[in-house]
Amino acid sequence: MLGINDFWLFVVSGILLNLIPGPDSLYVVARSASQGFKAGSVAAFGIGAGTFVHISAAAFGLSAILASSAAAFTILKVVGCIYLLYMGLSMALRKEQSQPKAEQLCSTGYAKIFRQGFLTNSLNPKVALFFLAFVPQFIDAAEPNKALAFVVLGLVFNLNAMIWGHILAWLSVSISHRVQTSQRAKRWLNRALGGVFAGFGLRLAFSELS
């Protein structure tokens, strides 16, 4: 159907790839541990929305520009690097306040979480190149409507990723509730997570077009 080959192999491979830690999963963990499951869920949906950008771009050829143009890759890489560094420094330098109440987490707060998740994913050129390299392996070369097949596989991959994101959010909340971390521990956790985000940004800065 739609020229899709080895569909179940694609599903299993996608699930295994989602289990590999990266900026997206780290962001879900950070939001869930600090603000609860709903915040982690919003972060996961924001990341999923960012993935739609890559799915659409790769399906209709825009990611091919990133794969062939060093200049385009560098521009997006620099933007993504700056954003990850900004997020990392913001988390590391944020002053810890008392645990926010449910009513304080208004729609504006969740909108910001969604937006940050969206930008964390959509500004990462490595994700775009991943879709361009991974998904076509499961599409028949003779399929006349490759874009539709690409979109279908991308949606399946994204659905699995968001399910994993919600599992990750639930696990993070469960662990944080059991640990009952102190304000000092939370402060150091934010610094550690901020440092990891900054590290992802620096790694992205020194990555090369392959």
C-alpha atoms as a PDB file:
ATOM      1  CA  MET A   1       0.000   0.000   0.000  1.00  0.00           C
ATOM      2  CA  LEU A   2       1.347   3.421  -1.080  1.00  0.00           C
ATOM      3  CA  GLY A   3       4.604   1.716  -1.975  1.00  0.00           C
ATOM      4  CA  ILE A   4       5.555   1.260   1.681  1.00  0.00           C
ATOM      5  CA  ASN A   5       7.906  -1.664   2.287  1.00  0.00           C
ATOM      6  CA  ASP A   6       8.592  -3.511   5.575  1.00  0.00           C
ATOM      7  CA  PHE A   7       6.113  -1.397   7.518  1.00  0.00           C
ATOM      8  CA  TRP A   8       6.480  -3.281  10.793  1.00  0.00           C
ATOM      9  CA  LEU A   9      10.261  -3.083  10.550  1.00  0.00           C
ATOM     10  CA  PHE A  10       9.854   0.669  10.154  1.00  0.00           C
ATOM     11  CA  VAL A  11       7.626   0.834  13.253  1.00  0.00           C
ATOM     12  CA  VAL A  12      10.025  -1.191  15.403  1.00  0.00           C
ATOM     13  CA  SER A  13      13.062   0.760  14.164  1.00  0.00           C
ATOM     14  CA  GLY A  14      11.277   4.046  14.863  1.00  0.00           C
ATOM     15  CA  ILE A  15      10.402   2.989  18.411  1.00  0.00           C
ATOM     16  CA  LEU A  16      14.005   1.988  19.104  1.00  0.00           C
ATOM     17  CA  LEU A  17      15.254   5.297  17.706  1.00  0.00           C
ATOM     18  CA  ASN A  18      12.831   7.216  19.934  1.00  0.00           C
ATOM     19  CA  LEU A  19      14.333   5.518  22.983  1.00  0.00           C
ATOM     20  CA  ILE A  20      17.706   7.159  22.306  1.00  0.00           C
ATOM     21  CA  PRO A  21      18.039  10.225  24.624  1.00  0.00           C
ATOM     22  CA  GLY A  22      18.260  13.602  22.920  1.00  0.00           C
ATOM     23  CA  PRO A  23      17.205  17.256  23.356  1.00  0.00           C
ATOM     24  CA  ASP A  24      13.530  16.400  22.825  1.00  0.00           C
ATOM     25  CA  SER A  25      13.284  13.685  25.473  1.00  0.00           C
ATOM     26  CA  LEU A  26      15.397  15.767  27.843  1.00  0.00           C
ATOM     27  CA  TYR A  27      13.005  18.692  27.463  1.00  0.00           C
ATOM     28  CA  VAL A  28       9.996  16.490  28.264  1.00  0.00           C
ATOM     29  CA  VAL A  29      11.780  15.125  31.344  1.00  0.00           C
ATOM     30  CA  ALA A  30      12.748  18.608  32.548  1.00  0.00           C
ATOM     31  CA  ARG A  31       9.224  20.015  32.171  1.00  0.00           C
ATOM     32  CA  SER A  32       7.556  16.966  33.726  1.00  0.00           C
ATOM     33  CA  ALA A  33       9.881  16.818  36.726  1.00  0.00           C
ATOM     34  CA  SER A  34       9.496  20.517  37.489  1.00  0.00           C
ATOM     35  CA  GLN A  35       5.848  21.237  36.578  1.00  0.00           C
ATOM     36  CA  GLY A  36       4.001  17.940  36.372  1.00  0.00           C
ATOM     37  CA  PHE A  37       2.570  15.577  33.791  1.00  0.00           C
ATOM     38  CA  LYS A  38       0.444  18.168  31.982  1.00  0.00           C
ATOM     39  CA  ALA A  39       3.492  20.328  31.313  1.00  0.00           C
ATOM     40  CA  GLY A  40       5.369  17.277  30.029  1.00  0.00           C
ATOM     41  CA  SER A  41       2.417  16.376  27.826  1.00  0.00           C
ATOM     42  CA  VAL A  42       2.314  19.891  26.354  1.00  0.00           C
ATOM     43  CA  ALA A  43       6.073  19.679  25.731  1.00  0.00           C
ATOM     44  CA  ALA A  44       5.619  16.351  23.926  1.00  0.00           C
ATOM     45  CA  PHE A  45       2.886  17.819  21.712  1.00  0.00           C
ATOM     46  CA  GLY A  46       5.082  20.837  20.963  1.00  0.00           C
ATOM     47  CA  ILE A  47       7.894  18.524  19.891  1.00  0.00           C
ATOM     48  CA  GLY A  48       5.408  16.564  17.788  1.00  0.00           C
ATOM     49  CA  ALA A  49       4.330  19.775  16.070  1.00  0.00           C
ATOM     50  CA  GLY A  50       7.983  20.526  15.319  1.00  0.00           C
ATOM     51  CA  THR A  51       8.348  17.067  13.818  1.00  0.00           C
ATOM     52  CA  PHE A  52       5.496  17.851  11.410  1.00  0.00           C
ATOM     53  CA  VAL A  53       7.688  20.631   9.996  1.00  0.00           C
ATOM     54  CA  HIS A  54      10.428  18.128   9.208  1.00  0.00           C
ATOM     55  CA  ILE A  55       7.977  15.585   7.811  1.00  0.00           C
ATOM     56  CA  SER A  56       6.464  18.154   5.446  1.00  0.00           C
ATOM     57  CA  ALA A  57       9.848  19.564   4.451  1.00  0.00           C
ATOM     58  CA  ALA A  58      11.372  16.166   3.730  1.00  0.00           C
ATOM     59  CA  ALA A  59       8.266  14.876   1.937  1.00  0.00           C
ATOM     60  CA  PHE A  60       8.201  17.797  -0.470  1.00  0.00           C
ATOM     61  CA  GLY A  61      11.944  18.096  -1.000  1.00  0.00           C
ATOM     62  CA  LEU A  62      12.953  21.013   1.198  1.00  0.00           C
ATOM     63  CA  SER A  63      15.218  18.823   3.327  1.00  0.00           C
ATOM     64  CA  ALA A  64      17.089  17.916   0.165  1.00  0.00           C
ATOM     65  CA  ILE A  65      18.326  21.502   0.175  1.00  0.00           C
ATOM     66  CA  LEU A  66      19.783  20.982   3.646  1.00  0.00           C
ATOM     67  CA  ALA A  67      21.401  17.769   2.526  1.00  0.00           C
ATOM     68  CA  SER A  68      23.052  19.364  -0.510  1.00  0.00           C
ATOM     69  CA  SER A  69      23.655  22.951   0.600  1.00  0.00           C
ATOM     70  CA  ALA A  70      26.313  23.550   3.222  1.00  0.00           C
ATOM     71  CA  ALA A  71      25.228  27.195   3.536  1.00  0.00           C
ATOM     72  CA  ALA A  72      21.580  26.345   4.263  1.00  0.00           C
ATOM     73  CA  PHE A  73      22.616  23.659   6.728  1.00  0.00           C
ATOM     74  CA  THR A  74      24.986  26.054   8.502  1.00  0.00           C
ATOM     75  CA  ILE A  75      22.356  28.793   8.825  1.00  0.00           C
ATOM     76  CA  LEU A  76      19.782  26.479  10.398  1.00  0.00           C
ATOM     77  CA  LYS A  77      22.483  24.856  12.528  1.00  0.00           C
ATOM     78  CA  VAL A  78      23.574  28.213  13.955  1.00  0.00           C
ATOM     79  CA  VAL A  79      19.991  29.219  14.737  1.00  0.00           C
ATOM     80  CA  GLY A  80      19.343  25.891  16.443  1.00  0.00           C
ATOM     81  CA  CYS A  81      22.608  26.120  18.365  1.00  0.00           C
ATOM     82  CA  ILE A  82      21.813  29.616  19.658  1.00  0.00           C
ATOM     83  CA  TYR A  83      18.352  28.523  20.776  1.00  0.00           C
ATOM     84  CA  LEU A  84      19.627  25.433  22.619  1.00  0.00           C
ATOM     85  CA  LEU A  85      22.319  27.515  24.314  1.00  0.00           C
ATOM     86  CA  TYR A  86      19.685  30.069  25.309  1.00  0.00           C
ATOM     87  CA  MET A  87      17.480  27.373  26.801  1.00  0.00           C
ATOM     88  CA  GLY A  88      20.425  25.821  28.628  1.00  0.00           C
ATOM     89  CA  LEU A  89      21.564  29.102  30.145  1.00  0.00           C
ATOM     90  CA  SER A  90      17.995  30.068  31.073  1.00  0.00           C
ATOM     91  CA  MET A  91      17.529  26.800  32.962  1.00  0.00           C
ATOM     92  CA  ALA A  92      20.943  26.965  34.639  1.00  0.00           C
ATOM     93  CA  LEU A  93      20.571  30.581  35.781  1.00  0.00           C
ATOM     94  CA  ARG A  94      16.896  30.481  36.742  1.00  0.00           C
ATOM     95  CA  LYS A  95      16.203  31.249  40.362  1.00  0.00           C
ATOM     96  CA  GLU A  96      14.152  28.510  41.994  1.00  0.00           C
ATOM     97  CA  GLN A  97      10.832  29.661  43.386  1.00  0.00           C
ATOM     98  CA  SER A  98       8.236  27.898  45.450  1.00  0.00           C
ATOM     99  CA  GLN A  99       6.421  25.064  43.692  1.00  0.00           C
ATOM    100  CA  PRO A 100       3.814  26.688  41.391  1.00  0.00           C
ATOM    101  CA  LYS A 101       0.190  25.965  42.112  1.00  0.00           C
ATOM    102  CA  ALA A 102      -2.020  24.486  39.448  1.00  0.00           C
ATOM    103  CA  GLU A 103      -3.865  27.749  38.954  1.00  0.00           C
ATOM    104  CA  GLN A 104      -0.574  29.597  38.396  1.00  0.00           C
ATOM    105  CA  LEU A 105       0.189  27.426  35.374  1.00  0.00           C
ATOM    106  CA  CYS A 106      -2.096  29.422  33.120  1.00  0.00           C
ATOM    107  CA  SER A 107      -2.556  28.967  29.375  1.00  0.00           C
ATOM    108  CA  THR A 108       0.271  31.413  28.695  1.00  0.00           C
ATOM    109  CA  GLY A 109       2.697  29.182  30.588  1.00  0.00           C
ATOM    110  CA  TYR A 110       1.626  26.107  28.689  1.00  0.00           C
ATOM    111  CA  ALA A 111       1.758  28.031  25.419  1.00  0.00           C
ATOM    112  CA  LYS A 112       5.391  28.876  26.135  1.00  0.00           C
ATOM    113  CA  ILE A 113       6.170  25.233  26.939  1.00  0.00           C
ATOM    114  CA  PHE A 114       4.561  24.174  23.653  1.00  0.00           C
ATOM    115  CA  ARG A 115       6.466  26.847  21.731  1.00  0.00           C
ATOM    116  CA  GLN A 116       9.802  25.861  23.280  1.00  0.00           C
ATOM    117  CA  GLY A 117       9.208  22.203  22.457  1.00  0.00           C
ATOM    118  CA  PHE A 118       8.287  23.143  18.904  1.00  0.00           C
ATOM    119  CA  LEU A 119      11.420  25.251  18.424  1.00  0.00           C
ATOM    120  CA  THR A 120      13.711  22.705  20.085  1.00  0.00           C
ATOM    121  CA  ASN A 121      12.715  20.164  17.447  1.00  0.00           C
ATOM    122  CA  SER A 122      12.042  22.275  14.360  1.00  0.00           C
ATOM    123  CA  LEU A 123      15.341  24.199  14.613  1.00  0.00           C
ATOM    124  CA  ASN A 124      17.438  21.036  14.690  1.00  0.00           C
ATOM    125  CA  PRO A 125      18.702  20.327  11.141  1.00  0.00           C
ATOM    126  CA  LYS A 126      19.853  16.871  12.208  1.00  0.00           C
ATOM    127  CA  VAL A 127      16.201  15.867  12.599  1.00  0.00           C
ATOM    128  CA  ALA A 128      15.476  17.022   9.044  1.00  0.00           C
ATOM    129  CA  LEU A 129      18.399  15.050   7.675  1.00  0.00           C
ATOM    130  CA  PHE A 130      17.369  12.026   9.742  1.00  0.00           C
ATOM    131  CA  PHE A 131      13.947  11.933   8.072  1.00  0.00           C
ATOM    132  CA  LEU A 132      15.526  12.380   4.667  1.00  0.00           C
ATOM    133  CA  ALA A 133      17.925   9.479   5.258  1.00  0.00           C
ATOM    134  CA  PHE A 134      15.734   7.070   7.257  1.00  0.00           C
ATOM    135  CA  VAL A 135      12.218   7.169   5.828  1.00  0.00           C
ATOM    136  CA  PRO A 136      13.004   6.709   2.081  1.00  0.00           C
ATOM    137  CA  GLN A 137      14.499   3.289   2.857  1.00  0.00           C
ATOM    138  CA  PHE A 138      10.938   2.026   3.396  1.00  0.00           C
ATOM    139  CA  ILE A 139       9.405   3.536   0.235  1.00  0.00           C
ATOM    140  CA  ASP A 140       9.375   1.694  -3.074  1.00  0.00           C
ATOM    141  CA  ALA A 141      11.483   3.517  -5.659  1.00  0.00           C
ATOM    142  CA  ALA A 142       8.769   2.872  -8.253  1.00  0.00           C
ATOM    143  CA  GLU A 143       6.004   4.443  -6.142  1.00  0.00           C
ATOM    144  CA  PRO A 144       4.584   7.422  -8.125  1.00  0.00           C
ATOM    145  CA  ASN A 145       3.287   9.256  -5.032  1.00  0.00           C
ATOM    146  CA  LYS A 146       6.339   9.158  -2.792  1.00  0.00           C
ATOM    147  CA  ALA A 147       5.358  12.331  -0.931  1.00  0.00           C
ATOM    148  CA  LEU A 148       2.136  10.744   0.363  1.00  0.00           C
ATOM    149  CA  ALA A 149       3.989   7.583   1.430  1.00  0.00           C
ATOM    150  CA  PHE A 150       6.561   9.762   3.177  1.00  0.00           C
ATOM    151  CA  VAL A 151       3.863  11.689   5.043  1.00  0.00           C
ATOM    152  CA  VAL A 152       2.147   8.475   6.185  1.00  0.00           C
ATOM    153  CA  LEU A 153       5.394   7.003   7.516  1.00  0.00           C
ATOM    154  CA  GLY A 154       6.280  10.324   9.126  1.00  0.00           C
ATOM    155  CA  LEU A 155       2.928  10.469  10.902  1.00  0.00           C
ATOM    156  CA  VAL A 156       3.385   6.917  12.211  1.00  0.00           C
ATOM    157  CA  PHE A 157       6.860   7.770  13.478  1.00  0.00           C
ATOM    158  CA  ASN A 158       5.604  10.974  15.102  1.00  0.00           C
ATOM    159  CA  LEU A 159       2.684   9.193  16.776  1.00  0.00           C
ATOM    160  CA  ASN A 160       5.059   6.664  18.331  1.00  0.00           C
ATOM    161  CA  ALA A 161       7.356   9.489  19.414  1.00  0.00           C
ATOM    162  CA  MET A 162       4.543  11.351  21.180  1.00  0.00           C
ATOM    163  CA  ILE A 163       3.370   8.168  22.912  1.00  0.00           C
ATOM    164  CA  TRP A 164       6.918   7.658  24.168  1.00  0.00           C
ATOM    165  CA  GLY A 165       7.044  11.318  25.216  1.00  0.00           C
ATOM    166  CA  HIS A 166       3.956  10.849  27.393  1.00  0.00           C
ATOM    167  CA  ILE A 167       5.376   7.669  28.917  1.00  0.00           C
ATOM    168  CA  LEU A 168       8.548   9.586  29.653  1.00  0.00           C
ATOM    169  CA  ALA A 169       6.529  12.411  31.225  1.00  0.00           C
ATOM    170  CA  TRP A 170       4.640   9.979  33.469  1.00  0.00           C
ATOM    171  CA  LEU A 171       7.856   8.253  34.559  1.00  0.00           C
ATOM    172  CA  SER A 172       9.521  11.593  35.286  1.00  0.00           C
ATOM    173  CA  VAL A 173       6.604  12.751  37.449  1.00  0.00           C
ATOM    174  CA  SER A 174       6.477   9.447  39.317  1.00  0.00           C
ATOM    175  CA  ILE A 175      10.192   9.555  40.073  1.00  0.00           C
ATOM    176  CA  SER A 176      10.131  13.221  41.117  1.00  0.00           C
ATOM    177  CA  HIS A 177       7.216  12.587  43.491  1.00  0.00           C
ATOM    178  CA  ARG A 178       9.025   9.702  45.115  1.00  0.00           C
ATOM    179  CA  VAL A 179      12.292  11.548  45.470  1.00  0.00           C
ATOM    180  CA  GLN A 180      10.650  14.700  46.870  1.00  0.00           C
ATOM    181  CA  THR A 181      13.669  16.820  45.964  1.00  0.00           C
ATOM    182  CA  SER A 182      14.561  19.853  48.007  1.00  0.00           C
ATOM    183  CA  GLN A 183      14.745  23.371  46.573  1.00  0.00           C
ATOM    184  CA  ARG A 184      18.550  23.127  46.589  1.00  0.00           C
ATOM    185  CA  ALA A 185      18.436  19.806  44.739  1.00  0.00           C
ATOM    186  CA  LYS A 186      16.015  21.262  42.191  1.00  0.00           C
ATOM    187  CA  ARG A 187      18.329  24.207  41.666  1.00  0.00           C
ATOM    188  CA  TRP A 188      21.262  21.888  40.931  1.00  0.00           C
ATOM    189  CA  LEU A 189      19.047  19.708  38.737  1.00  0.00           C
ATOM    190  CA  ASN A 190      18.129  22.767  36.667  1.00  0.00           C
ATOM    191  CA  ARG A 191      21.804  23.652  36.369  1.00  0.00           C
ATOM    192  CA  ALA A 192      22.689  20.132  35.298  1.00  0.00           C
ATOM    193  CA  LEU A 193      19.883  19.986  32.724  1.00  0.00           C
ATOM    194  CA  GLY A 194      20.790  23.465  31.508  1.00  0.00           C
ATOM    195  CA  GLY A 195      24.380  22.324  31.061  1.00  0.00           C
ATOM    196  CA  VAL A 196      23.240  19.325  29.040  1.00  0.00           C
ATOM    197  CA  PHE A 197      21.101  21.551  26.793  1.00  0.00           C
ATOM    198  CA  ALA A 198      24.084  23.860  26.278  1.00  0.00           C
ATOM    199  CA  GLY A 199      26.160  20.781  25.462  1.00  0.00           C
ATOM    200  CA  PHE A 200      23.633  19.740  22.806  1.00  0.00           C
ATOM    201  CA  GLY A 201      23.865  23.243  21.375  1.00  0.00           C
ATOM    202  CA  LEU A 202      27.661  23.131  21.204  1.00  0.00           C
ATOM    203  CA  ARG A 203      27.595  19.671  19.658  1.00  0.00           C
ATOM    204  CA  LEU A 204      25.183  20.950  17.041  1.00  0.00           C
ATOM    205  CA  ALA A 205      27.508  23.904  16.377  1.00  0.00           C
ATOM    206  CA  PHE A 206      30.415  21.597  15.580  1.00  0.00           C
ATOM    207  CA  SER A 207      28.383  19.047  13.628  1.00  0.00           C
ATOM    208  CA  GLU A 208      29.138  18.676   9.943  1.00  0.00           C
ATOM    209  CA  LEU A 209      26.985  18.085   6.913  1.00  0.00           C
ATOM    210  CA  SER A 210      27.230  14.401   6.106  1.00  0.00           C
END
